[in-house]
Structures are given as C-alpha cells and as structure tokens.
C-alpha cells in the first residue's frame, strides 16, 4: 500500500508537476475517508487502513512546499478540503434516495457513507488544522535550515508534529466520551504510531521529488 500510494504521488508529479499534486490530494482525501472504516492488523497493531492514503497527503503538500511555494501548498489543502465536503454531501444525498425493489447496493452504500456527525466534524477540523500546521512548520524549518541536506529534518519535524495534532483533534472530537479512556488512548496512540511510521517512510520520496525538480525532469 505504501509503494502504490507513494508511487502514485511521484508518478503524478513526474508527469504533471504541481498539477499532479492538485489531482492526488483530493483522490487521497476521499480514499482515506472511505478506507478508514476498514480495520486491519499491521505488525500486531490494530489500525485503520486509511492512514497510509492520508499520510500521502502530507507528502504531496511537502513536495509543493519544497519545490514550489507556501501558497501553492495551501491551495492544495483547500482543494482536498472542498473535495471531501462535496463528496460527503453528494453521497449523503445518494444514500437518502429510496432504492428500487431490485436494488442490491443500498445497504452497502448506507453502511459506508452514513457518517456519524461527530466523525465528519472531527475529520474536517483535523484535516484543516493539521495540514495548515504542516505547511507553516515546514517553512519554519526551511527558513532555519534551507540546505538540501536538511530536507529530512523539515519533512519529519513538520509532518510528525502535524500528524500528532491531527490524531488528537480527530480522536477527541469523534471518540471522547464514546469509549472508556483506556480504549480512547489506545486508539489514539496506535493511530499515531502508524501515521508516524508512514511519515518517516515518505522521506526518500521527498528527496526523489526534489531531485526531479532540480534536474528539470518534471514534464509540466
């Protein structure tokens, strides 16, 4: 899943440049919010599948921050945010339609797209706050250490902190008071652990994207 997601980011960047990141971010945002309902076990830890797709959004905005500009990274975040809002709205309307007698998909669609209001609110707020923090933090570290050799630092320092903010905001809004505190903190730390691992593994991809841009290998 890591190879496919990060590979898609690099392929779109190679072929479409920054426009490729504008394409990928809404795709990953929507995929993450669908995949999040599937529970898997990774290395003995129970986690949601959507964490990897969600982590690829941070890679895409970091590529924009590194090779283009802060404003272009912010634009990508807004594209992802409105894509998610529109998807939630349209699919909620689709589920509300009365199915025909021979319909076979309604129950499955309802199970996937009948979102709890708290989960939707938590997801939207966490997305905006964490993404804008990631951009601000990335450029903070870039001002302090602009050299390419410090690329790993600004990538990981910004993304690891932003993923922590994202996890705490989402789990608090969505699950506080729903589960016992022991379960709540278990969900929070396992979710963050997977996100942190994903964040650290995207560093070689950011170096690759920076190298492609520096050598003018981006087609657009």
C-alpha atoms as a PDB file:
ATOM      1  CA  UNK A   1       0.000   0.000   0.000  1.00  0.00           C
ATOM      2  CA  UNK A   2       2.895   2.344   0.760  1.00  0.00           C
ATOM      3  CA  UNK A   3       4.535   1.594  -2.570  1.00  0.00           C
ATOM      4  CA  UNK A   4       1.309   2.134  -4.510  1.00  0.00           C
ATOM      5  CA  UNK A   5       0.364   5.389  -2.754  1.00  0.00           C
ATOM      6  CA  UNK A   6       3.809   6.985  -2.730  1.00  0.00           C
ATOM      7  CA  UNK A   7       4.472   5.683  -6.234  1.00  0.00           C
ATOM      8  CA  UNK A   8       1.289   7.373  -7.452  1.00  0.00           C
ATOM      9  CA  UNK A   9       2.395  10.673  -5.894  1.00  0.00           C
ATOM     10  CA  UNK A  10       5.787  10.548  -7.626  1.00  0.00           C
ATOM     11  CA  UNK A  11       4.323   9.433 -10.953  1.00  0.00           C
ATOM     12  CA  UNK A  12       1.787  12.279 -10.974  1.00  0.00           C
ATOM     13  CA  UNK A  13       4.485  14.753 -10.003  1.00  0.00           C
ATOM     14  CA  UNK A  14       6.805  13.484 -12.737  1.00  0.00           C
ATOM     15  CA  UNK A  15       4.085  13.674 -15.398  1.00  0.00           C
ATOM     16  CA  UNK A  16       2.001  16.668 -14.293  1.00  0.00           C
ATOM     17  CA  UNK A  17       4.178  18.672 -11.915  1.00  0.00           C
ATOM     18  CA  UNK A  18       2.357  20.635  -9.228  1.00  0.00           C
ATOM     19  CA  UNK A  19      -0.948  19.996 -11.036  1.00  0.00           C
ATOM     20  CA  UNK A  20      -0.363  16.328 -10.304  1.00  0.00           C
ATOM     21  CA  UNK A  21      -0.366  17.139  -6.586  1.00  0.00           C
ATOM     22  CA  UNK A  22      -3.641  19.010  -7.051  1.00  0.00           C
ATOM     23  CA  UNK A  23      -5.003  15.822  -8.630  1.00  0.00           C
ATOM     24  CA  UNK A  24      -3.634  13.456  -5.986  1.00  0.00           C
ATOM     25  CA  UNK A  25      -4.678  15.297  -2.822  1.00  0.00           C
ATOM     26  CA  UNK A  26      -8.475  15.078  -3.401  1.00  0.00           C
ATOM     27  CA  UNK A  27      -8.064  11.457  -4.502  1.00  0.00           C
ATOM     28  CA  UNK A  28      -6.163  10.578  -1.325  1.00  0.00           C
ATOM     29  CA  UNK A  29      -8.519  12.593   0.876  1.00  0.00           C
ATOM     30  CA  UNK A  30     -11.564  10.738  -0.417  1.00  0.00           C
ATOM     31  CA  UNK A  31      -9.809   7.343  -0.381  1.00  0.00           C
ATOM     32  CA  UNK A  32      -8.637   7.833   3.206  1.00  0.00           C
ATOM     33  CA  UNK A  33     -12.149   8.644   4.413  1.00  0.00           C
ATOM     34  CA  UNK A  34     -13.558   5.534   2.719  1.00  0.00           C
ATOM     35  CA  UNK A  35     -10.734   3.200   3.743  1.00  0.00           C
ATOM     36  CA  UNK A  36     -10.845   4.398   7.362  1.00  0.00           C
ATOM     37  CA  UNK A  37     -13.828   2.131   8.043  1.00  0.00           C
ATOM     38  CA  UNK A  38     -11.741  -0.968   7.268  1.00  0.00           C
ATOM     39  CA  UNK A  39      -9.797  -2.304  10.246  1.00  0.00           C
ATOM     40  CA  UNK A  40      -6.576  -4.223   9.609  1.00  0.00           C
ATOM     41  CA  UNK A  41      -3.773  -5.620  11.727  1.00  0.00           C
ATOM     42  CA  UNK A  42      -0.280  -4.334  10.957  1.00  0.00           C
ATOM     43  CA  UNK A  43       2.690  -5.767  12.860  1.00  0.00           C
ATOM     44  CA  UNK A  44       0.346  -6.928  15.598  1.00  0.00           C
ATOM     45  CA  UNK A  45      -1.283  -3.489  15.945  1.00  0.00           C
ATOM     46  CA  UNK A  46      -4.916  -2.908  15.032  1.00  0.00           C
ATOM     47  CA  UNK A  47      -5.255   0.128  12.776  1.00  0.00           C
ATOM     48  CA  UNK A  48      -7.443   1.688  10.116  1.00  0.00           C
ATOM     49  CA  UNK A  49      -6.391   1.170   6.515  1.00  0.00           C
ATOM     50  CA  UNK A  50      -6.849   4.822   5.550  1.00  0.00           C
ATOM     51  CA  UNK A  51      -3.784   6.023   7.449  1.00  0.00           C
ATOM     52  CA  UNK A  52      -1.459   5.357   4.517  1.00  0.00           C
ATOM     53  CA  UNK A  53      -3.559   7.229   1.961  1.00  0.00           C
ATOM     54  CA  UNK A  54      -3.952  10.068   4.451  1.00  0.00           C
ATOM     55  CA  UNK A  55      -0.202  10.159   5.071  1.00  0.00           C
ATOM     56  CA  UNK A  56       0.437  10.573   1.355  1.00  0.00           C
ATOM     57  CA  UNK A  57      -1.353  13.948   1.507  1.00  0.00           C
ATOM     58  CA  UNK A  58       1.412  15.263   3.755  1.00  0.00           C
ATOM     59  CA  UNK A  59       3.986  14.040   1.239  1.00  0.00           C
ATOM     60  CA  UNK A  60       2.184  15.880  -1.567  1.00  0.00           C
ATOM     61  CA  UNK A  61       1.942  19.183   0.354  1.00  0.00           C
ATOM     62  CA  UNK A  62       5.592  18.878   1.426  1.00  0.00           C
ATOM     63  CA  UNK A  63       6.584  18.467  -2.237  1.00  0.00           C
ATOM     64  CA  UNK A  64       4.678  21.651  -3.049  1.00  0.00           C
ATOM     65  CA  UNK A  65       6.269  23.454  -0.092  1.00  0.00           C
ATOM     66  CA  UNK A  66       9.765  22.310  -1.013  1.00  0.00           C
ATOM     67  CA  UNK A  67       9.724  22.774  -4.780  1.00  0.00           C
ATOM     68  CA  UNK A  68       7.099  25.457  -5.314  1.00  0.00           C
ATOM     69  CA  UNK A  69       5.578  27.787  -2.726  1.00  0.00           C
ATOM     70  CA  UNK A  70       3.682  28.039   0.526  1.00  0.00           C
ATOM     71  CA  UNK A  71       0.643  29.471  -1.242  1.00  0.00           C
ATOM     72  CA  UNK A  72       0.500  26.586  -3.709  1.00  0.00           C
ATOM     73  CA  UNK A  73       0.632  24.109  -0.820  1.00  0.00           C
ATOM     74  CA  UNK A  74      -2.248  25.963   0.882  1.00  0.00           C
ATOM     75  CA  UNK A  75      -4.257  25.857  -2.340  1.00  0.00           C
ATOM     76  CA  UNK A  76      -3.815  22.082  -2.453  1.00  0.00           C
ATOM     77  CA  UNK A  77      -5.155  21.788   1.107  1.00  0.00           C
ATOM     78  CA  UNK A  78      -8.278  23.774   0.203  1.00  0.00           C
ATOM     79  CA  UNK A  79      -8.793  21.572  -2.869  1.00  0.00           C
ATOM     80  CA  UNK A  80      -8.644  18.486  -0.649  1.00  0.00           C
ATOM     81  CA  UNK A  81     -10.969  20.017   1.955  1.00  0.00           C
ATOM     82  CA  UNK A  82     -13.694  21.017  -0.506  1.00  0.00           C
ATOM     83  CA  UNK A  83     -13.388  17.692  -2.335  1.00  0.00           C
ATOM     84  CA  UNK A  84     -14.114  15.915   0.948  1.00  0.00           C
ATOM     85  CA  UNK A  85     -17.040  18.198   1.833  1.00  0.00           C
ATOM     86  CA  UNK A  86     -18.614  17.779  -1.610  1.00  0.00           C
ATOM     87  CA  UNK A  87     -18.120  14.010  -1.560  1.00  0.00           C
ATOM     88  CA  UNK A  88     -19.767  13.750   1.868  1.00  0.00           C
ATOM     89  CA  UNK A  89     -22.695  15.914   0.770  1.00  0.00           C
ATOM     90  CA  UNK A  90     -23.348  14.140  -2.534  1.00  0.00           C
ATOM     91  CA  UNK A  91     -23.020  10.627  -1.104  1.00  0.00           C
ATOM     92  CA  UNK A  92     -25.297  11.515   1.816  1.00  0.00           C
ATOM     93  CA  UNK A  93     -27.899  12.612  -0.740  1.00  0.00           C
ATOM     94  CA  UNK A  94     -27.327   9.443  -2.772  1.00  0.00           C
ATOM     95  CA  UNK A  95     -27.949   7.256   0.287  1.00  0.00           C
ATOM     96  CA  UNK A  96     -31.146   9.219   1.030  1.00  0.00           C
ATOM     97  CA  UNK A  97     -32.735   8.175  -2.288  1.00  0.00           C
ATOM     98  CA  UNK A  98     -35.312   5.405  -1.963  1.00  0.00           C
ATOM     99  CA  UNK A  99     -33.827   2.328  -3.679  1.00  0.00           C
ATOM    100  CA  UNK A 100     -35.758   0.360  -6.288  1.00  0.00           C
ATOM    101  CA  UNK A 101     -37.050  -3.102  -5.423  1.00  0.00           C
ATOM    102  CA  UNK A 102     -34.303  -4.836  -7.369  1.00  0.00           C
ATOM    103  CA  UNK A 103     -31.513  -2.640  -5.937  1.00  0.00           C
ATOM    104  CA  UNK A 104     -28.690  -4.543  -4.255  1.00  0.00           C
ATOM    105  CA  UNK A 105     -26.281  -1.722  -3.306  1.00  0.00           C
ATOM    106  CA  UNK A 106     -28.266   0.466  -0.888  1.00  0.00           C
ATOM    107  CA  UNK A 107     -27.365  -1.418   2.286  1.00  0.00           C
ATOM    108  CA  UNK A 108     -23.667  -1.389   1.430  1.00  0.00           C
ATOM    109  CA  UNK A 109     -23.679   2.283   0.437  1.00  0.00           C
ATOM    110  CA  UNK A 110     -25.552   3.178   3.602  1.00  0.00           C
ATOM    111  CA  UNK A 111     -23.061   1.293   5.732  1.00  0.00           C
ATOM    112  CA  UNK A 112     -20.126   3.085   4.117  1.00  0.00           C
ATOM    113  CA  UNK A 113     -21.488   6.596   3.655  1.00  0.00           C
ATOM    114  CA  UNK A 114     -23.850   7.096   6.590  1.00  0.00           C
ATOM    115  CA  UNK A 115     -21.308   9.059   8.583  1.00  0.00           C
ATOM    116  CA  UNK A 116     -21.750   9.975  12.222  1.00  0.00           C
ATOM    117  CA  UNK A 117     -21.803  13.787  12.580  1.00  0.00           C
ATOM    118  CA  UNK A 118     -19.024  13.732  15.184  1.00  0.00           C
ATOM    119  CA  UNK A 119     -16.758  11.692  12.926  1.00  0.00           C
ATOM    120  CA  UNK A 120     -17.353  14.042   9.984  1.00  0.00           C
ATOM    121  CA  UNK A 121     -16.747  17.135  12.112  1.00  0.00           C
ATOM    122  CA  UNK A 122     -13.589  15.649  13.615  1.00  0.00           C
ATOM    123  CA  UNK A 123     -12.262  14.640  10.218  1.00  0.00           C
ATOM    124  CA  UNK A 124     -12.816  18.058   8.633  1.00  0.00           C
ATOM    125  CA  UNK A 125     -11.382  20.089  11.524  1.00  0.00           C
ATOM    126  CA  UNK A 126      -8.400  17.776  11.958  1.00  0.00           C
ATOM    127  CA  UNK A 127      -7.656  17.901   8.230  1.00  0.00           C
ATOM    128  CA  UNK A 128      -7.571  21.701   8.025  1.00  0.00           C
ATOM    129  CA  UNK A 129      -5.681  22.328  11.268  1.00  0.00           C
ATOM    130  CA  UNK A 130      -3.042  19.633  10.750  1.00  0.00           C
ATOM    131  CA  UNK A 131      -2.445  20.435   7.080  1.00  0.00           C
ATOM    132  CA  UNK A 132      -2.021  24.167   7.628  1.00  0.00           C
ATOM    133  CA  UNK A 133       0.232  23.457  10.614  1.00  0.00           C
ATOM    134  CA  UNK A 134       2.310  21.137   8.436  1.00  0.00           C
ATOM    135  CA  UNK A 135       2.811  23.847   5.817  1.00  0.00           C
ATOM    136  CA  UNK A 136       3.674  26.533   8.397  1.00  0.00           C
ATOM    137  CA  UNK A 137       6.032  24.187  10.241  1.00  0.00           C
ATOM    138  CA  UNK A 138       7.711  23.033   7.040  1.00  0.00           C
ATOM    139  CA  UNK A 139       8.519  26.590   6.018  1.00  0.00           C
ATOM    140  CA  UNK A 140       9.664  27.413   9.554  1.00  0.00           C
ATOM    141  CA  UNK A 141      12.262  24.635   9.398  1.00  0.00           C
ATOM    142  CA  UNK A 142      13.125  25.529   5.817  1.00  0.00           C
ATOM    143  CA  UNK A 143      13.964  29.094   6.860  1.00  0.00           C
ATOM    144  CA  UNK A 144      16.196  27.780   9.641  1.00  0.00           C
ATOM    145  CA  UNK A 145      17.874  25.076   7.551  1.00  0.00           C
ATOM    146  CA  UNK A 146      17.379  25.781   3.826  1.00  0.00           C
ATOM    147  CA  UNK A 147      20.111  23.409   2.624  1.00  0.00           C
ATOM    148  CA  UNK A 148      19.071  20.193   0.859  1.00  0.00           C
ATOM    149  CA  UNK A 149      20.939  18.110   3.437  1.00  0.00           C
ATOM    150  CA  UNK A 150      18.332  19.209   6.000  1.00  0.00           C
ATOM    151  CA  UNK A 151      15.396  18.108   3.856  1.00  0.00           C
ATOM    152  CA  UNK A 152      14.847  15.096   6.125  1.00  0.00           C
ATOM    153  CA  UNK A 153      14.594  17.383   9.162  1.00  0.00           C
ATOM    154  CA  UNK A 154      11.975  19.767   7.822  1.00  0.00           C
ATOM    155  CA  UNK A 155       9.991  16.893   6.362  1.00  0.00           C
ATOM    156  CA  UNK A 156       9.872  14.791   9.513  1.00  0.00           C
ATOM    157  CA  UNK A 157       9.724  17.610  12.072  1.00  0.00           C
ATOM    158  CA  UNK A 158       6.726  19.187  10.369  1.00  0.00           C
ATOM    159  CA  UNK A 159       4.849  16.004   9.492  1.00  0.00           C
ATOM    160  CA  UNK A 160       5.335  14.161  12.783  1.00  0.00           C
ATOM    161  CA  UNK A 161       4.041  17.132  14.777  1.00  0.00           C
ATOM    162  CA  UNK A 162       1.151  17.687  12.372  1.00  0.00           C
ATOM    163  CA  UNK A 163       0.135  14.027  12.457  1.00  0.00           C
ATOM    164  CA  UNK A 164       0.051  14.196  16.260  1.00  0.00           C
ATOM    165  CA  UNK A 165      -2.205  17.267  16.113  1.00  0.00           C
ATOM    166  CA  UNK A 166      -4.421  15.541  13.554  1.00  0.00           C
ATOM    167  CA  UNK A 167      -4.744  12.401  15.680  1.00  0.00           C
ATOM    168  CA  UNK A 168      -5.545  14.239  18.906  1.00  0.00           C
ATOM    169  CA  UNK A 169      -8.136  16.517  17.292  1.00  0.00           C
ATOM    170  CA  UNK A 170      -9.900  13.732  15.414  1.00  0.00           C
ATOM    171  CA  UNK A 171      -9.966  11.178  18.215  1.00  0.00           C
ATOM    172  CA  UNK A 172     -11.087  13.780  20.778  1.00  0.00           C
ATOM    173  CA  UNK A 173     -13.973  15.092  18.683  1.00  0.00           C
ATOM    174  CA  UNK A 174     -15.018  11.694  17.341  1.00  0.00           C
ATOM    175  CA  UNK A 175     -14.484   9.384  20.309  1.00  0.00           C
ATOM    176  CA  UNK A 176     -14.146  11.304  23.602  1.00  0.00           C
ATOM    177  CA  UNK A 177     -16.915  10.080  25.891  1.00  0.00           C
ATOM    178  CA  UNK A 178     -17.828   7.293  23.485  1.00  0.00           C
ATOM    179  CA  UNK A 179     -15.227   4.801  24.750  1.00  0.00           C
ATOM    180  CA  UNK A 180     -13.589   4.337  28.159  1.00  0.00           C
ATOM    181  CA  UNK A 181     -10.433   6.449  28.457  1.00  0.00           C
ATOM    182  CA  UNK A 182      -8.187   3.392  28.292  1.00  0.00           C
ATOM    183  CA  UNK A 183      -9.701   2.463  24.920  1.00  0.00           C
ATOM    184  CA  UNK A 184      -9.620   6.077  23.762  1.00  0.00           C
ATOM    185  CA  UNK A 185      -5.872   6.408  24.408  1.00  0.00           C
ATOM    186  CA  UNK A 186      -5.229   3.021  22.822  1.00  0.00           C
ATOM    187  CA  UNK A 187      -6.971   4.175  19.639  1.00  0.00           C
ATOM    188  CA  UNK A 188      -5.053   7.468  19.711  1.00  0.00           C
ATOM    189  CA  UNK A 189      -1.557   6.088  20.159  1.00  0.00           C
ATOM    190  CA  UNK A 190      -1.912   3.193  17.714  1.00  0.00           C
ATOM    191  CA  UNK A 191      -3.343   5.545  15.100  1.00  0.00           C
ATOM    192  CA  UNK A 192      -0.475   7.980  15.600  1.00  0.00           C
ATOM    193  CA  UNK A 193       2.124   5.202  15.542  1.00  0.00           C
ATOM    194  CA  UNK A 194       1.014   4.102  12.066  1.00  0.00           C
ATOM    195  CA  UNK A 195       0.849   7.716  10.844  1.00  0.00           C
ATOM    196  CA  UNK A 196       4.326   8.452  12.251  1.00  0.00           C
ATOM    197  CA  UNK A 197       5.802   5.379  10.558  1.00  0.00           C
ATOM    198  CA  UNK A 198       4.193   6.411   7.263  1.00  0.00           C
ATOM    199  CA  UNK A 199       5.575   9.947   7.678  1.00  0.00           C
ATOM    200  CA  UNK A 200       9.128   8.732   8.194  1.00  0.00           C
ATOM    201  CA  UNK A 201       8.960   6.333   5.253  1.00  0.00           C
ATOM    202  CA  UNK A 202       7.962   9.131   2.850  1.00  0.00           C
ATOM    203  CA  UNK A 203      11.299  10.951   3.296  1.00  0.00           C
ATOM    204  CA  UNK A 204      13.102   9.169   0.409  1.00  0.00           C
ATOM    205  CA  UNK A 205      10.155  10.075  -1.851  1.00  0.00           C
ATOM    206  CA  UNK A 206      10.526  13.758  -0.979  1.00  0.00           C
ATOM    207  CA  UNK A 207      14.254  13.609  -1.824  1.00  0.00           C
ATOM    208  CA  UNK A 208      13.357  11.940  -5.129  1.00  0.00           C
ATOM    209  CA  UNK A 209      10.792  14.635  -5.959  1.00  0.00           C
ATOM    210  CA  UNK A 210      13.274  17.389  -5.052  1.00  0.00           C
ATOM    211  CA  UNK A 211      15.915  15.804  -7.280  1.00  0.00           C
ATOM    212  CA  UNK A 212      13.489  15.512 -10.229  1.00  0.00           C
ATOM    213  CA  UNK A 213      12.561  19.162  -9.849  1.00  0.00           C
ATOM    214  CA  UNK A 214      16.177  20.325  -9.508  1.00  0.00           C
ATOM    215  CA  UNK A 215      17.145  18.485 -12.703  1.00  0.00           C
ATOM    216  CA  UNK A 216      14.102  19.782 -14.657  1.00  0.00           C
ATOM    217  CA  UNK A 217      12.663  16.317 -15.141  1.00  0.00           C
ATOM    218  CA  UNK A 218       9.098  17.438 -14.434  1.00  0.00           C
ATOM    219  CA  UNK A 219       7.109  17.433 -17.686  1.00  0.00           C
ATOM    220  CA  UNK A 220       4.796  20.315 -16.727  1.00  0.00           C
END
